[in-house]
């Protein structure tokens, strides 16, 4: 009987460990092609947005496209670039196939752009408020984050989910994503992922910052140490150019 009990206990512990491990695994996420650009002389950002929204779309188009303007970012970025374009695809294969068929879409806009790079976008939290709003224009925070020794990206993902739920419980229920380097970009970026938070309206991110300023605790356990650390946030406006109905 004792032998049977020990075997059963071992099987149960193995099963529970497997479930826990499965819960910690990152989802595949979307593939996002990003590129930094300057606006050609004689054109405004609003004119670029209008032209971009009027481009023809077909099966070779990205699932969604956003333009981000820097508000509070590094001086180096703002001295070199006016806007960042982010185009979302369901996978690397789809991105390569669609871009081969579509050609250079930024070439049809009054923009001069640098080299593109690709990240994986992992959603840590998406509120019903954000899904319902699907804002044409909003504000966005980004932070460069590094994983602490002895932890991995899955620990960071689960911590972000927990913190996002703390925000949601306090009334700040937004879109939170991790951008994990994929293709291109600096070979030694000095960070492991970018943490991005997007409000369902222009005001939501400012309200989110005030919640922390006023003392919101993101994790209930006082002994809990974050598996990652981030630098100061950068603030952007983000404008939706196109969203697929799929």
C-alpha atoms as a PDB file:
ATOM      1  CA  UNK A   1       0.000   0.000   0.000  1.00  0.00           C
ATOM      2  CA  UNK A   2       2.840   2.399   0.889  1.00  0.00           C
ATOM      3  CA  UNK A   3       4.548   1.624  -2.427  1.00  0.00           C
ATOM      4  CA  UNK A   4       1.327   2.328  -4.324  1.00  0.00           C
ATOM      5  CA  UNK A   5       0.845   5.567  -2.381  1.00  0.00           C
ATOM      6  CA  UNK A   6       4.397   6.739  -3.157  1.00  0.00           C
ATOM      7  CA  UNK A   7       4.005   5.941  -6.853  1.00  0.00           C
ATOM      8  CA  UNK A   8       0.662   7.761  -6.955  1.00  0.00           C
ATOM      9  CA  UNK A   9       2.135  10.769  -5.173  1.00  0.00           C
ATOM     10  CA  UNK A  10       5.074  10.866  -7.579  1.00  0.00           C
ATOM     11  CA  UNK A  11       2.751  10.736 -10.573  1.00  0.00           C
ATOM     12  CA  UNK A  12       0.582  13.511  -9.098  1.00  0.00           C
ATOM     13  CA  UNK A  13       3.595  15.735  -8.391  1.00  0.00           C
ATOM     14  CA  UNK A  14       4.920  15.147 -11.915  1.00  0.00           C
ATOM     15  CA  UNK A  15       1.512  15.998 -13.364  1.00  0.00           C
ATOM     16  CA  UNK A  16       1.256  19.194 -11.292  1.00  0.00           C
ATOM     17  CA  UNK A  17       4.803  20.197 -12.266  1.00  0.00           C
ATOM     18  CA  UNK A  18       3.959  19.677 -15.928  1.00  0.00           C
ATOM     19  CA  UNK A  19       0.890  21.897 -15.607  1.00  0.00           C
ATOM     20  CA  UNK A  20       2.921  24.613 -13.856  1.00  0.00           C
ATOM     21  CA  UNK A  21       5.610  24.494 -16.534  1.00  0.00           C
ATOM     22  CA  UNK A  22       3.002  24.704 -19.272  1.00  0.00           C
ATOM     23  CA  UNK A  23       1.474  27.782 -17.654  1.00  0.00           C
ATOM     24  CA  UNK A  24       4.863  29.520 -17.624  1.00  0.00           C
ATOM     25  CA  UNK A  25       5.601  29.017 -21.319  1.00  0.00           C
ATOM     26  CA  UNK A  26       5.392  32.064 -23.580  1.00  0.00           C
ATOM     27  CA  UNK A  27       2.748  31.979 -26.312  1.00  0.00           C
ATOM     28  CA  UNK A  28       4.033  32.242 -29.880  1.00  0.00           C
ATOM     29  CA  UNK A  29       2.834  35.826 -30.246  1.00  0.00           C
ATOM     30  CA  UNK A  30       2.716  37.997 -33.349  1.00  0.00           C
ATOM     31  CA  UNK A  31       5.649  39.036 -35.524  1.00  0.00           C
ATOM     32  CA  UNK A  32       6.164  42.796 -35.801  1.00  0.00           C
ATOM     33  CA  UNK A  33       8.336  44.543 -38.382  1.00  0.00           C
ATOM     34  CA  UNK A  34       9.439  47.952 -37.081  1.00  0.00           C
ATOM     35  CA  UNK A  35      11.253  50.712 -38.931  1.00  0.00           C
ATOM     36  CA  UNK A  36      12.247  54.247 -37.925  1.00  0.00           C
ATOM     37  CA  UNK A  37      11.690  57.074 -40.398  1.00  0.00           C
ATOM     38  CA  UNK A  38      11.955  60.819 -40.890  1.00  0.00           C
ATOM     39  CA  UNK A  39       9.194  62.791 -42.594  1.00  0.00           C
ATOM     40  CA  UNK A  40      10.285  64.374 -45.854  1.00  0.00           C
ATOM     41  CA  UNK A  41      10.517  68.158 -45.902  1.00  0.00           C
ATOM     42  CA  UNK A  42       7.260  69.881 -46.761  1.00  0.00           C
ATOM     43  CA  UNK A  43       5.018  67.198 -45.247  1.00  0.00           C
ATOM     44  CA  UNK A  44       3.361  66.906 -41.838  1.00  0.00           C
ATOM     45  CA  UNK A  45       2.699  63.831 -39.738  1.00  0.00           C
ATOM     46  CA  UNK A  46      -1.045  64.154 -40.336  1.00  0.00           C
ATOM     47  CA  UNK A  47      -0.461  64.165 -44.095  1.00  0.00           C
ATOM     48  CA  UNK A  48       1.655  61.018 -43.833  1.00  0.00           C
ATOM     49  CA  UNK A  49      -1.091  59.333 -41.796  1.00  0.00           C
ATOM     50  CA  UNK A  50      -3.744  60.280 -44.337  1.00  0.00           C
ATOM     51  CA  UNK A  51      -1.678  58.957 -47.241  1.00  0.00           C
ATOM     52  CA  UNK A  52      -0.853  55.741 -45.372  1.00  0.00           C
ATOM     53  CA  UNK A  53      -4.507  55.091 -44.574  1.00  0.00           C
ATOM     54  CA  UNK A  54      -5.393  55.541 -48.254  1.00  0.00           C
ATOM     55  CA  UNK A  55      -2.905  52.961 -49.534  1.00  0.00           C
ATOM     56  CA  UNK A  56      -4.495  49.987 -51.285  1.00  0.00           C
ATOM     57  CA  UNK A  57      -4.789  46.892 -49.067  1.00  0.00           C
ATOM     58  CA  UNK A  58      -4.992  43.250 -50.126  1.00  0.00           C
ATOM     59  CA  UNK A  59      -3.994  39.767 -48.943  1.00  0.00           C
ATOM     60  CA  UNK A  60      -0.337  40.807 -48.958  1.00  0.00           C
ATOM     61  CA  UNK A  61      -0.922  43.593 -46.434  1.00  0.00           C
ATOM     62  CA  UNK A  62       0.066  43.356 -42.788  1.00  0.00           C
ATOM     63  CA  UNK A  63      -2.673  42.429 -40.313  1.00  0.00           C
ATOM     64  CA  UNK A  64      -2.338  45.833 -38.668  1.00  0.00           C
ATOM     65  CA  UNK A  65      -0.108  48.883 -38.964  1.00  0.00           C
ATOM     66  CA  UNK A  66       0.619  51.617 -36.403  1.00  0.00           C
ATOM     67  CA  UNK A  67       2.681  54.812 -36.474  1.00  0.00           C
ATOM     68  CA  UNK A  68       4.338  55.920 -33.239  1.00  0.00           C
ATOM     69  CA  UNK A  69       5.544  59.471 -32.568  1.00  0.00           C
ATOM     70  CA  UNK A  70       8.082  60.133 -29.785  1.00  0.00           C
ATOM     71  CA  UNK A  71       6.996  62.478 -26.989  1.00  0.00           C
ATOM     72  CA  UNK A  72       9.397  61.758 -24.113  1.00  0.00           C
ATOM     73  CA  UNK A  73      12.165  59.564 -25.518  1.00  0.00           C
ATOM     74  CA  UNK A  74      15.930  59.879 -25.787  1.00  0.00           C
ATOM     75  CA  UNK A  75      17.337  63.010 -27.392  1.00  0.00           C
ATOM     76  CA  UNK A  76      19.299  60.750 -29.753  1.00  0.00           C
ATOM     77  CA  UNK A  77      16.108  59.172 -31.082  1.00  0.00           C
ATOM     78  CA  UNK A  78      14.326  62.471 -31.629  1.00  0.00           C
ATOM     79  CA  UNK A  79      17.367  64.012 -33.323  1.00  0.00           C
ATOM     80  CA  UNK A  80      17.406  61.195 -35.874  1.00  0.00           C
ATOM     81  CA  UNK A  81      13.800  60.065 -36.347  1.00  0.00           C
ATOM     82  CA  UNK A  82      10.259  61.455 -36.499  1.00  0.00           C
ATOM     83  CA  UNK A  83       8.172  58.295 -36.457  1.00  0.00           C
ATOM     84  CA  UNK A  84       8.312  54.536 -35.974  1.00  0.00           C
ATOM     85  CA  UNK A  85       6.154  52.233 -38.095  1.00  0.00           C
ATOM     86  CA  UNK A  86       5.066  48.875 -36.660  1.00  0.00           C
ATOM     87  CA  UNK A  87       3.465  46.292 -38.967  1.00  0.00           C
ATOM     88  CA  UNK A  88       1.987  43.153 -37.362  1.00  0.00           C
ATOM     89  CA  UNK A  89       1.990  39.695 -39.011  1.00  0.00           C
ATOM     90  CA  UNK A  90       0.794  36.311 -37.685  1.00  0.00           C
ATOM     91  CA  UNK A  91       4.169  34.565 -38.264  1.00  0.00           C
ATOM     92  CA  UNK A  92       7.621  34.927 -39.824  1.00  0.00           C
ATOM     93  CA  UNK A  93       6.510  32.866 -42.822  1.00  0.00           C
ATOM     94  CA  UNK A  94       3.484  35.102 -43.405  1.00  0.00           C
ATOM     95  CA  UNK A  95       5.596  38.221 -43.052  1.00  0.00           C
ATOM     96  CA  UNK A  96       8.151  37.096 -45.626  1.00  0.00           C
ATOM     97  CA  UNK A  97       5.485  35.854 -48.036  1.00  0.00           C
ATOM     98  CA  UNK A  98       3.321  38.961 -47.781  1.00  0.00           C
ATOM     99  CA  UNK A  99       6.205  41.420 -47.983  1.00  0.00           C
ATOM    100  CA  UNK A 100       7.610  39.671 -51.052  1.00  0.00           C
ATOM    101  CA  UNK A 101       4.239  40.097 -52.740  1.00  0.00           C
ATOM    102  CA  UNK A 102       3.607  43.658 -51.509  1.00  0.00           C
ATOM    103  CA  UNK A 103       6.978  45.261 -52.208  1.00  0.00           C
ATOM    104  CA  UNK A 104       8.140  48.465 -50.487  1.00  0.00           C
ATOM    105  CA  UNK A 105       5.041  50.204 -49.113  1.00  0.00           C
ATOM    106  CA  UNK A 106       7.015  52.901 -47.242  1.00  0.00           C
ATOM    107  CA  UNK A 107       8.421  53.940 -50.621  1.00  0.00           C
ATOM    108  CA  UNK A 108       4.945  55.207 -51.514  1.00  0.00           C
ATOM    109  CA  UNK A 109       4.974  57.617 -48.569  1.00  0.00           C
ATOM    110  CA  UNK A 110       6.952  60.861 -48.036  1.00  0.00           C
ATOM    111  CA  UNK A 111       9.318  59.132 -45.603  1.00  0.00           C
ATOM    112  CA  UNK A 112      13.037  58.375 -45.451  1.00  0.00           C
ATOM    113  CA  UNK A 113      13.626  55.269 -43.358  1.00  0.00           C
ATOM    114  CA  UNK A 114      16.446  53.327 -41.744  1.00  0.00           C
ATOM    115  CA  UNK A 115      16.948  49.591 -41.557  1.00  0.00           C
ATOM    116  CA  UNK A 116      13.987  47.493 -40.380  1.00  0.00           C
ATOM    117  CA  UNK A 117      14.067  45.000 -37.515  1.00  0.00           C
ATOM    118  CA  UNK A 118      11.630  42.358 -36.336  1.00  0.00           C
ATOM    119  CA  UNK A 119      10.367  41.481 -32.856  1.00  0.00           C
ATOM    120  CA  UNK A 120       7.920  38.996 -31.390  1.00  0.00           C
ATOM    121  CA  UNK A 121       4.995  40.687 -29.646  1.00  0.00           C
ATOM    122  CA  UNK A 122       3.760  38.660 -26.672  1.00  0.00           C
ATOM    123  CA  UNK A 123       0.537  39.901 -25.104  1.00  0.00           C
ATOM    124  CA  UNK A 124       0.662  39.826 -21.328  1.00  0.00           C
ATOM    125  CA  UNK A 125      -2.732  41.462 -20.855  1.00  0.00           C
ATOM    126  CA  UNK A 126      -5.445  42.880 -23.066  1.00  0.00           C
ATOM    127  CA  UNK A 127      -8.444  44.459 -21.444  1.00  0.00           C
ATOM    128  CA  UNK A 128     -11.981  44.281 -22.718  1.00  0.00           C
ATOM    129  CA  UNK A 129     -11.948  48.087 -22.648  1.00  0.00           C
ATOM    130  CA  UNK A 130      -9.052  48.151 -25.118  1.00  0.00           C
ATOM    131  CA  UNK A 131     -10.666  45.504 -27.331  1.00  0.00           C
ATOM    132  CA  UNK A 132     -13.932  47.436 -27.391  1.00  0.00           C
ATOM    133  CA  UNK A 133     -12.299  50.820 -27.987  1.00  0.00           C
ATOM    134  CA  UNK A 134      -9.779  49.833 -30.684  1.00  0.00           C
ATOM    135  CA  UNK A 135      -8.519  53.441 -30.443  1.00  0.00           C
ATOM    136  CA  UNK A 136      -7.415  55.283 -33.582  1.00  0.00           C
ATOM    137  CA  UNK A 137      -4.990  57.285 -31.441  1.00  0.00           C
ATOM    138  CA  UNK A 138      -3.633  56.651 -27.977  1.00  0.00           C
ATOM    139  CA  UNK A 139      -0.551  56.974 -25.781  1.00  0.00           C
ATOM    140  CA  UNK A 140       2.052  54.300 -25.209  1.00  0.00           C
ATOM    141  CA  UNK A 141       4.842  53.606 -22.714  1.00  0.00           C
ATOM    142  CA  UNK A 142       7.932  51.569 -23.590  1.00  0.00           C
ATOM    143  CA  UNK A 143      10.735  50.365 -21.335  1.00  0.00           C
ATOM    144  CA  UNK A 144      13.929  48.447 -22.104  1.00  0.00           C
ATOM    145  CA  UNK A 145      14.112  45.511 -19.680  1.00  0.00           C
ATOM    146  CA  UNK A 146      16.781  42.997 -18.633  1.00  0.00           C
ATOM    147  CA  UNK A 147      16.220  39.578 -17.070  1.00  0.00           C
ATOM    148  CA  UNK A 148      17.860  39.018 -13.675  1.00  0.00           C
ATOM    149  CA  UNK A 149      20.387  36.217 -13.173  1.00  0.00           C
ATOM    150  CA  UNK A 150      18.801  32.880 -12.294  1.00  0.00           C
ATOM    151  CA  UNK A 151      15.523  33.633 -14.077  1.00  0.00           C
ATOM    152  CA  UNK A 152      14.274  33.306 -17.654  1.00  0.00           C
ATOM    153  CA  UNK A 153      11.846  35.018 -20.006  1.00  0.00           C
ATOM    154  CA  UNK A 154       8.940  32.885 -18.773  1.00  0.00           C
ATOM    155  CA  UNK A 155       9.359  34.226 -15.232  1.00  0.00           C
ATOM    156  CA  UNK A 156       9.213  37.778 -16.608  1.00  0.00           C
ATOM    157  CA  UNK A 157       6.120  36.971 -18.645  1.00  0.00           C
ATOM    158  CA  UNK A 158       4.258  35.626 -15.617  1.00  0.00           C
ATOM    159  CA  UNK A 159       5.328  38.581 -13.476  1.00  0.00           C
ATOM    160  CA  UNK A 160       4.011  40.981 -16.126  1.00  0.00           C
ATOM    161  CA  UNK A 161       0.693  39.141 -16.214  1.00  0.00           C
ATOM    162  CA  UNK A 162       0.416  39.425 -12.425  1.00  0.00           C
ATOM    163  CA  UNK A 163       1.332  43.128 -12.384  1.00  0.00           C
ATOM    164  CA  UNK A 164      -1.080  43.844 -15.240  1.00  0.00           C
ATOM    165  CA  UNK A 165      -3.891  42.247 -13.275  1.00  0.00           C
ATOM    166  CA  UNK A 166      -3.027  44.470 -10.286  1.00  0.00           C
ATOM    167  CA  UNK A 167      -3.411  47.495 -12.553  1.00  0.00           C
ATOM    168  CA  UNK A 168      -6.671  46.111 -13.943  1.00  0.00           C
ATOM    169  CA  UNK A 169      -8.045  45.578 -10.429  1.00  0.00           C
ATOM    170  CA  UNK A 170      -7.230  49.236  -9.723  1.00  0.00           C
ATOM    171  CA  UNK A 171      -9.186  50.352 -12.783  1.00  0.00           C
ATOM    172  CA  UNK A 172      -6.347  50.692 -15.323  1.00  0.00           C
ATOM    173  CA  UNK A 173      -7.148  47.907 -17.751  1.00  0.00           C
ATOM    174  CA  UNK A 174      -5.039  48.287 -20.907  1.00  0.00           C
ATOM    175  CA  UNK A 175      -2.955  46.425 -23.504  1.00  0.00           C
ATOM    176  CA  UNK A 176       0.415  45.158 -22.245  1.00  0.00           C
ATOM    177  CA  UNK A 177       2.938  43.476 -24.533  1.00  0.00           C
ATOM    178  CA  UNK A 178       6.522  42.201 -24.453  1.00  0.00           C
ATOM    179  CA  UNK A 179       8.634  42.818 -27.566  1.00  0.00           C
ATOM    180  CA  UNK A 180      11.330  40.145 -27.827  1.00  0.00           C
ATOM    181  CA  UNK A 181      14.155  40.738 -30.368  1.00  0.00           C
ATOM    182  CA  UNK A 182      13.815  38.541 -33.446  1.00  0.00           C
ATOM    183  CA  UNK A 183      15.613  39.667 -36.615  1.00  0.00           C
ATOM    184  CA  UNK A 184      17.895  42.603 -37.324  1.00  0.00           C
ATOM    185  CA  UNK A 185      18.611  45.457 -34.977  1.00  0.00           C
ATOM    186  CA  UNK A 186      21.764  45.794 -32.830  1.00  0.00           C
ATOM    187  CA  UNK A 187      23.702  42.572 -32.246  1.00  0.00           C
ATOM    188  CA  UNK A 188      24.215  43.397 -28.549  1.00  0.00           C
ATOM    189  CA  UNK A 189      21.213  45.534 -27.632  1.00  0.00           C
ATOM    190  CA  UNK A 190      21.864  45.615 -23.889  1.00  0.00           C
ATOM    191  CA  UNK A 191      18.333  44.455 -23.024  1.00  0.00           C
ATOM    192  CA  UNK A 192      16.280  41.263 -23.244  1.00  0.00           C
ATOM    193  CA  UNK A 193      12.864  42.649 -24.121  1.00  0.00           C
ATOM    194  CA  UNK A 194      10.830  45.835 -24.406  1.00  0.00           C
ATOM    195  CA  UNK A 195       7.784  46.242 -22.175  1.00  0.00           C
ATOM    196  CA  UNK A 196       5.002  48.186 -23.942  1.00  0.00           C
ATOM    197  CA  UNK A 197       1.759  49.503 -22.436  1.00  0.00           C
ATOM    198  CA  UNK A 198      -0.975  51.062 -24.588  1.00  0.00           C
ATOM    199  CA  UNK A 199      -4.031  52.875 -23.267  1.00  0.00           C
ATOM    200  CA  UNK A 200      -7.561  52.520 -24.605  1.00  0.00           C
ATOM    201  CA  UNK A 201      -7.605  56.344 -24.855  1.00  0.00           C
ATOM    202  CA  UNK A 202      -5.123  59.224 -24.773  1.00  0.00           C
ATOM    203  CA  UNK A 203      -5.599  59.717 -21.018  1.00  0.00           C
ATOM    204  CA  UNK A 204      -5.311  56.137 -19.752  1.00  0.00           C
ATOM    205  CA  UNK A 205      -1.513  55.876 -19.667  1.00  0.00           C
ATOM    206  CA  UNK A 206      -1.235  59.090 -17.650  1.00  0.00           C
ATOM    207  CA  UNK A 207      -3.768  57.692 -15.180  1.00  0.00           C
ATOM    208  CA  UNK A 208      -1.700  54.488 -15.023  1.00  0.00           C
ATOM    209  CA  UNK A 209       1.429  56.450 -14.133  1.00  0.00           C
ATOM    210  CA  UNK A 210      -0.470  58.275 -11.385  1.00  0.00           C
ATOM    211  CA  UNK A 211      -1.611  54.982  -9.849  1.00  0.00           C
ATOM    212  CA  UNK A 212       2.020  54.003  -9.301  1.00  0.00           C
ATOM    213  CA  UNK A 213       2.921  57.506  -8.112  1.00  0.00           C
ATOM    214  CA  UNK A 214       0.130  57.278  -5.542  1.00  0.00           C
ATOM    215  CA  UNK A 215       1.463  53.997  -4.161  1.00  0.00           C
ATOM    216  CA  UNK A 216      -0.231  51.146  -6.052  1.00  0.00           C
ATOM    217  CA  UNK A 217       1.449  47.841  -5.147  1.00  0.00           C
ATOM    218  CA  UNK A 218       1.692  45.683  -8.248  1.00  0.00           C
ATOM    219  CA  UNK A 219       2.460  42.413  -6.439  1.00  0.00           C
ATOM    220  CA  UNK A 220       0.899  41.517  -3.091  1.00  0.00           C
ATOM    221  CA  UNK A 221       3.796  39.503  -1.651  1.00  0.00           C
ATOM    222  CA  UNK A 222       6.360  41.711   0.099  1.00  0.00           C
ATOM    223  CA  UNK A 223       8.991  38.980  -0.411  1.00  0.00           C
ATOM    224  CA  UNK A 224       8.465  38.822  -4.143  1.00  0.00           C
ATOM    225  CA  UNK A 225      11.452  39.997  -6.192  1.00  0.00           C
ATOM    226  CA  UNK A 226      10.910  40.940  -9.809  1.00  0.00           C
ATOM    227  CA  UNK A 227      12.735  38.621 -12.258  1.00  0.00           C
ATOM    228  CA  UNK A 228      13.565  41.607 -14.466  1.00  0.00           C
ATOM    229  CA  UNK A 229      14.474  45.277 -14.229  1.00  0.00           C
ATOM    230  CA  UNK A 230      13.655  48.130 -16.628  1.00  0.00           C
ATOM    231  CA  UNK A 231      14.946  51.607 -17.372  1.00  0.00           C
ATOM    232  CA  UNK A 232      12.842  54.766 -17.328  1.00  0.00           C
ATOM    233  CA  UNK A 233       9.774  54.656 -19.592  1.00  0.00           C
ATOM    234  CA  UNK A 234       9.524  56.493 -22.891  1.00  0.00           C
ATOM    235  CA  UNK A 235       6.206  58.046 -23.910  1.00  0.00           C
ATOM    236  CA  UNK A 236       4.783  57.917 -27.441  1.00  0.00           C
ATOM    237  CA  UNK A 237       1.567  58.594 -29.244  1.00  0.00           C
ATOM    238  CA  UNK A 238       0.442  55.656 -31.352  1.00  0.00           C
ATOM    239  CA  UNK A 239      -1.861  56.051 -34.354  1.00  0.00           C
ATOM    240  CA  UNK A 240      -3.697  53.163 -35.998  1.00  0.00           C
ATOM    241  CA  UNK A 241      -3.185  53.162 -39.767  1.00  0.00           C
ATOM    242  CA  UNK A 242      -4.857  49.889 -40.639  1.00  0.00           C
ATOM    243  CA  UNK A 243      -6.496  46.935 -38.883  1.00  0.00           C
ATOM    244  CA  UNK A 244      -7.594  43.777 -40.638  1.00  0.00           C
ATOM    245  CA  UNK A 245     -11.079  42.438 -39.962  1.00  0.00           C
ATOM    246  CA  UNK A 246      -9.650  38.898 -39.645  1.00  0.00           C
END
